[in-house]
Amino acid sequence: MTTDIKRRLTEHNTSKRGAKSIKGKLPVKLVYFEEHSSIGDALKREIEIKGWARSKKLALINDALALMSAAKKRA
């Protein structure tokens, strides 16, 4: 969860700050994000997604990519 996506990606990729689980997998690439109206809602959603199996997380990412692709074709 962050209030500044660009800053957070920079922390991971250039200053090597952030979650220990990501340190061995640099550089990281943002493939999915959601916006929420409150920090509490964002944290609840983050915890929910972290509890999912990898296959369910990949399905969420793939669905979002498909929606983005469809939107680009309509534009």
N, C-alpha and C. Protein backbone atom coordinates (compact mmCIF):
# COMPACT_ATOMS: atom_id res chain seq x y z
N MET A 1 0.85 -1.16 0.00
CA MET A 1 0.00 0.00 0.00
C MET A 1 0.90 1.23 0.00
N THR A 2 0.57 2.18 -0.86
CA THR A 2 1.33 3.41 -0.93
C THR A 2 0.43 4.55 -1.38
N THR A 3 0.85 5.76 -1.09
CA THR A 3 0.14 6.93 -1.59
C THR A 3 0.86 7.51 -2.80
N ASP A 4 2.01 6.94 -3.17
CA ASP A 4 2.82 7.45 -4.29
C ASP A 4 3.47 6.27 -5.01
N ILE A 5 2.83 5.79 -6.07
CA ILE A 5 3.30 4.60 -6.78
C ILE A 5 4.70 4.80 -7.37
N LYS A 6 4.95 5.94 -8.00
CA LYS A 6 6.27 6.18 -8.60
C LYS A 6 7.38 6.13 -7.56
N ARG A 7 7.13 6.76 -6.40
CA ARG A 7 8.13 6.75 -5.33
C ARG A 7 8.39 5.33 -4.85
N ARG A 8 7.33 4.56 -4.70
CA ARG A 8 7.46 3.18 -4.20
C ARG A 8 8.25 2.32 -5.16
N LEU A 9 8.00 2.45 -6.45
CA LEU A 9 8.77 1.68 -7.44
C LEU A 9 10.24 2.08 -7.41
N THR A 10 10.50 3.37 -7.26
CA THR A 10 11.87 3.85 -7.16
C THR A 10 12.56 3.26 -5.93
N GLU A 11 11.84 3.22 -4.83
CA GLU A 11 12.41 2.63 -3.61
C GLU A 11 12.84 1.19 -3.85
N HIS A 12 12.01 0.44 -4.55
CA HIS A 12 12.33 -0.96 -4.82
C HIS A 12 13.50 -1.10 -5.80
N ASN A 13 13.46 -0.32 -6.87
CA ASN A 13 14.40 -0.54 -7.97
C ASN A 13 15.72 0.20 -7.87
N THR A 14 15.75 1.39 -7.29
CA THR A 14 16.99 2.14 -7.29
C THR A 14 17.64 2.21 -5.91
N SER A 15 16.87 2.51 -4.92
CA SER A 15 17.47 2.61 -3.59
C SER A 15 17.47 1.26 -2.88
N LYS A 16 16.87 0.26 -3.51
CA LYS A 16 16.81 -1.09 -2.98
C LYS A 16 16.13 -1.16 -1.61
N ARG A 17 15.21 -0.24 -1.38
CA ARG A 17 14.42 -0.25 -0.15
C ARG A 17 13.10 -0.95 -0.42
N GLY A 18 12.51 -1.50 0.59
CA GLY A 18 11.21 -2.13 0.44
C GLY A 18 11.20 -3.53 1.02
N ALA A 19 10.23 -4.30 0.63
CA ALA A 19 10.05 -5.64 1.17
C ALA A 19 11.24 -6.54 0.89
N LYS A 20 11.65 -7.31 1.89
CA LYS A 20 12.78 -8.22 1.74
C LYS A 20 12.49 -9.28 0.68
N SER A 21 11.23 -9.67 0.53
CA SER A 21 10.87 -10.71 -0.43
C SER A 21 11.12 -10.28 -1.87
N ILE A 22 11.22 -8.98 -2.11
CA ILE A 22 11.41 -8.46 -3.47
C ILE A 22 12.88 -8.23 -3.79
N LYS A 23 13.72 -8.10 -2.78
CA LYS A 23 15.12 -7.72 -2.99
C LYS A 23 15.85 -8.63 -3.98
N GLY A 24 15.57 -9.90 -4.00
CA GLY A 24 16.24 -10.82 -4.92
C GLY A 24 15.59 -10.90 -6.29
N LYS A 25 14.57 -10.10 -6.53
CA LYS A 25 13.79 -10.18 -7.77
C LYS A 25 13.77 -8.85 -8.51
N LEU A 26 14.85 -8.08 -8.40
CA LEU A 26 14.89 -6.75 -9.03
C LEU A 26 15.27 -6.85 -10.49
N PRO A 27 14.83 -5.97 -11.34
CA PRO A 27 13.93 -4.87 -11.03
C PRO A 27 12.47 -5.34 -10.99
N VAL A 28 11.68 -4.66 -10.19
CA VAL A 28 10.25 -4.98 -10.13
C VAL A 28 9.52 -4.15 -11.17
N LYS A 29 8.37 -4.66 -11.59
CA LYS A 29 7.54 -3.99 -12.60
C LYS A 29 6.11 -3.98 -12.07
N LEU A 30 5.46 -2.84 -12.15
CA LEU A 30 4.08 -2.72 -11.69
C LEU A 30 3.16 -3.33 -12.74
N VAL A 31 2.39 -4.33 -12.35
CA VAL A 31 1.47 -4.97 -13.29
C VAL A 31 0.01 -4.80 -12.90
N TYR A 32 -0.23 -4.30 -11.69
CA TYR A 32 -1.61 -4.15 -11.24
C TYR A 32 -1.65 -3.18 -10.06
N PHE A 33 -2.68 -2.35 -10.00
CA PHE A 33 -2.91 -1.52 -8.83
C PHE A 33 -4.37 -1.17 -8.75
N GLU A 34 -4.80 -0.81 -7.56
CA GLU A 34 -6.16 -0.35 -7.31
C GLU A 34 -6.08 0.94 -6.51
N GLU A 35 -7.05 1.80 -6.69
CA GLU A 35 -7.16 3.00 -5.88
C GLU A 35 -8.34 2.83 -4.93
N HIS A 36 -8.15 3.30 -3.69
CA HIS A 36 -9.19 3.21 -2.68
C HIS A 36 -9.38 4.57 -2.02
N SER A 37 -10.56 4.79 -1.49
CA SER A 37 -10.88 6.09 -0.90
C SER A 37 -10.27 6.29 0.49
N SER A 38 -9.86 5.21 1.14
CA SER A 38 -9.27 5.36 2.47
C SER A 38 -8.11 4.37 2.63
N ILE A 39 -7.22 4.69 3.54
CA ILE A 39 -6.10 3.80 3.83
C ILE A 39 -6.61 2.48 4.39
N GLY A 40 -7.62 2.55 5.21
CA GLY A 40 -8.20 1.34 5.79
C GLY A 40 -8.72 0.39 4.74
N ASP A 41 -9.44 0.92 3.76
CA ASP A 41 -9.96 0.08 2.67
C ASP A 41 -8.81 -0.52 1.87
N ALA A 42 -7.78 0.27 1.62
CA ALA A 42 -6.63 -0.22 0.85
C ALA A 42 -5.91 -1.34 1.60
N LEU A 43 -5.72 -1.18 2.90
CA LEU A 43 -5.06 -2.21 3.69
C LEU A 43 -5.87 -3.50 3.74
N LYS A 44 -7.19 -3.38 3.88
CA LYS A 44 -8.05 -4.57 3.88
C LYS A 44 -7.92 -5.32 2.56
N ARG A 45 -7.92 -4.57 1.45
CA ARG A 45 -7.81 -5.21 0.14
C ARG A 45 -6.44 -5.86 -0.04
N GLU A 46 -5.38 -5.19 0.42
CA GLU A 46 -4.04 -5.75 0.31
C GLU A 46 -3.95 -7.07 1.08
N ILE A 47 -4.47 -7.09 2.28
CA ILE A 47 -4.45 -8.31 3.09
C ILE A 47 -5.25 -9.41 2.41
N GLU A 48 -6.40 -9.04 1.83
CA GLU A 48 -7.22 -10.02 1.12
C GLU A 48 -6.43 -10.65 -0.03
N ILE A 49 -5.82 -9.83 -0.87
CA ILE A 49 -5.10 -10.33 -2.04
C ILE A 49 -3.88 -11.14 -1.61
N LYS A 50 -3.17 -10.71 -0.59
CA LYS A 50 -1.99 -11.46 -0.12
C LYS A 50 -2.37 -12.86 0.35
N GLY A 51 -3.61 -13.05 0.77
CA GLY A 51 -4.07 -14.35 1.23
C GLY A 51 -4.46 -15.30 0.10
N TRP A 52 -4.54 -14.79 -1.11
CA TRP A 52 -4.94 -15.61 -2.26
C TRP A 52 -3.80 -16.51 -2.73
N ALA A 53 -4.18 -17.57 -3.40
CA ALA A 53 -3.20 -18.43 -4.08
C ALA A 53 -2.62 -17.67 -5.28
N ARG A 54 -1.42 -18.05 -5.69
CA ARG A 54 -0.76 -17.41 -6.82
C ARG A 54 -1.64 -17.42 -8.07
N SER A 55 -2.32 -18.53 -8.31
CA SER A 55 -3.16 -18.64 -9.51
C SER A 55 -4.28 -17.60 -9.52
N LYS A 56 -4.85 -17.33 -8.37
CA LYS A 56 -5.92 -16.33 -8.28
C LYS A 56 -5.36 -14.93 -8.50
N LYS A 57 -4.15 -14.66 -7.97
CA LYS A 57 -3.50 -13.36 -8.19
C LYS A 57 -3.20 -13.16 -9.67
N LEU A 58 -2.71 -14.20 -10.33
CA LEU A 58 -2.41 -14.09 -11.76
C LEU A 58 -3.67 -13.86 -12.57
N ALA A 59 -4.77 -14.49 -12.18
CA ALA A 59 -6.05 -14.27 -12.86
C ALA A 59 -6.50 -12.82 -12.72
N LEU A 60 -6.32 -12.24 -11.54
CA LEU A 60 -6.67 -10.84 -11.31
C LEU A 60 -5.85 -9.94 -12.25
N ILE A 61 -4.55 -10.18 -12.33
CA ILE A 61 -3.67 -9.40 -13.21
C ILE A 61 -4.08 -9.57 -14.67
N ASN A 62 -4.32 -10.81 -15.08
CA ASN A 62 -4.68 -11.06 -16.48
C ASN A 62 -6.01 -10.43 -16.85
N ASP A 63 -6.97 -10.46 -15.94
CA ASP A 63 -8.26 -9.80 -16.20
C ASP A 63 -8.08 -8.30 -16.38
N ALA A 64 -7.25 -7.70 -15.54
CA ALA A 64 -7.00 -6.25 -15.63
C ALA A 64 -6.31 -5.91 -16.95
N LEU A 65 -5.34 -6.73 -17.36
CA LEU A 65 -4.64 -6.50 -18.62
C LEU A 65 -5.60 -6.63 -19.81
N ALA A 66 -6.50 -7.59 -19.75
CA ALA A 66 -7.47 -7.78 -20.81
C ALA A 66 -8.41 -6.57 -20.93
N LEU A 67 -8.83 -6.04 -19.78
CA LEU A 67 -9.69 -4.85 -19.79
C LEU A 67 -8.95 -3.65 -20.38
N MET A 68 -7.68 -3.48 -20.02
CA MET A 68 -6.89 -2.38 -20.56
C MET A 68 -6.71 -2.52 -22.06
N SER A 69 -6.48 -3.73 -22.52
CA SER A 69 -6.30 -3.97 -23.94
C SER A 69 -7.58 -3.67 -24.72
N ALA A 70 -8.72 -4.09 -24.16
CA ALA A 70 -10.00 -3.83 -24.80
C ALA A 70 -10.29 -2.33 -24.86
N ALA A 71 -9.95 -1.62 -23.80
CA ALA A 71 -10.16 -0.17 -23.77
C ALA A 71 -9.30 0.54 -24.82
N LYS A 72 -8.08 0.06 -24.99
CA LYS A 72 -7.18 0.68 -26.00
C LYS A 72 -7.72 0.45 -27.41
N LYS A 73 -8.32 -0.71 -27.66
CA LYS A 73 -8.87 -1.00 -28.98
C LYS A 73 -10.07 -0.13 -29.29
N ARG A 74 -10.85 0.22 -28.24
CA ARG A 74 -12.03 1.07 -28.44
C ARG A 74 -11.64 2.52 -28.68
N ALA A 75 -10.49 2.92 -28.15
CA ALA A 75 -10.06 4.32 -28.24
C ALA A 75 -9.54 4.70 -29.61
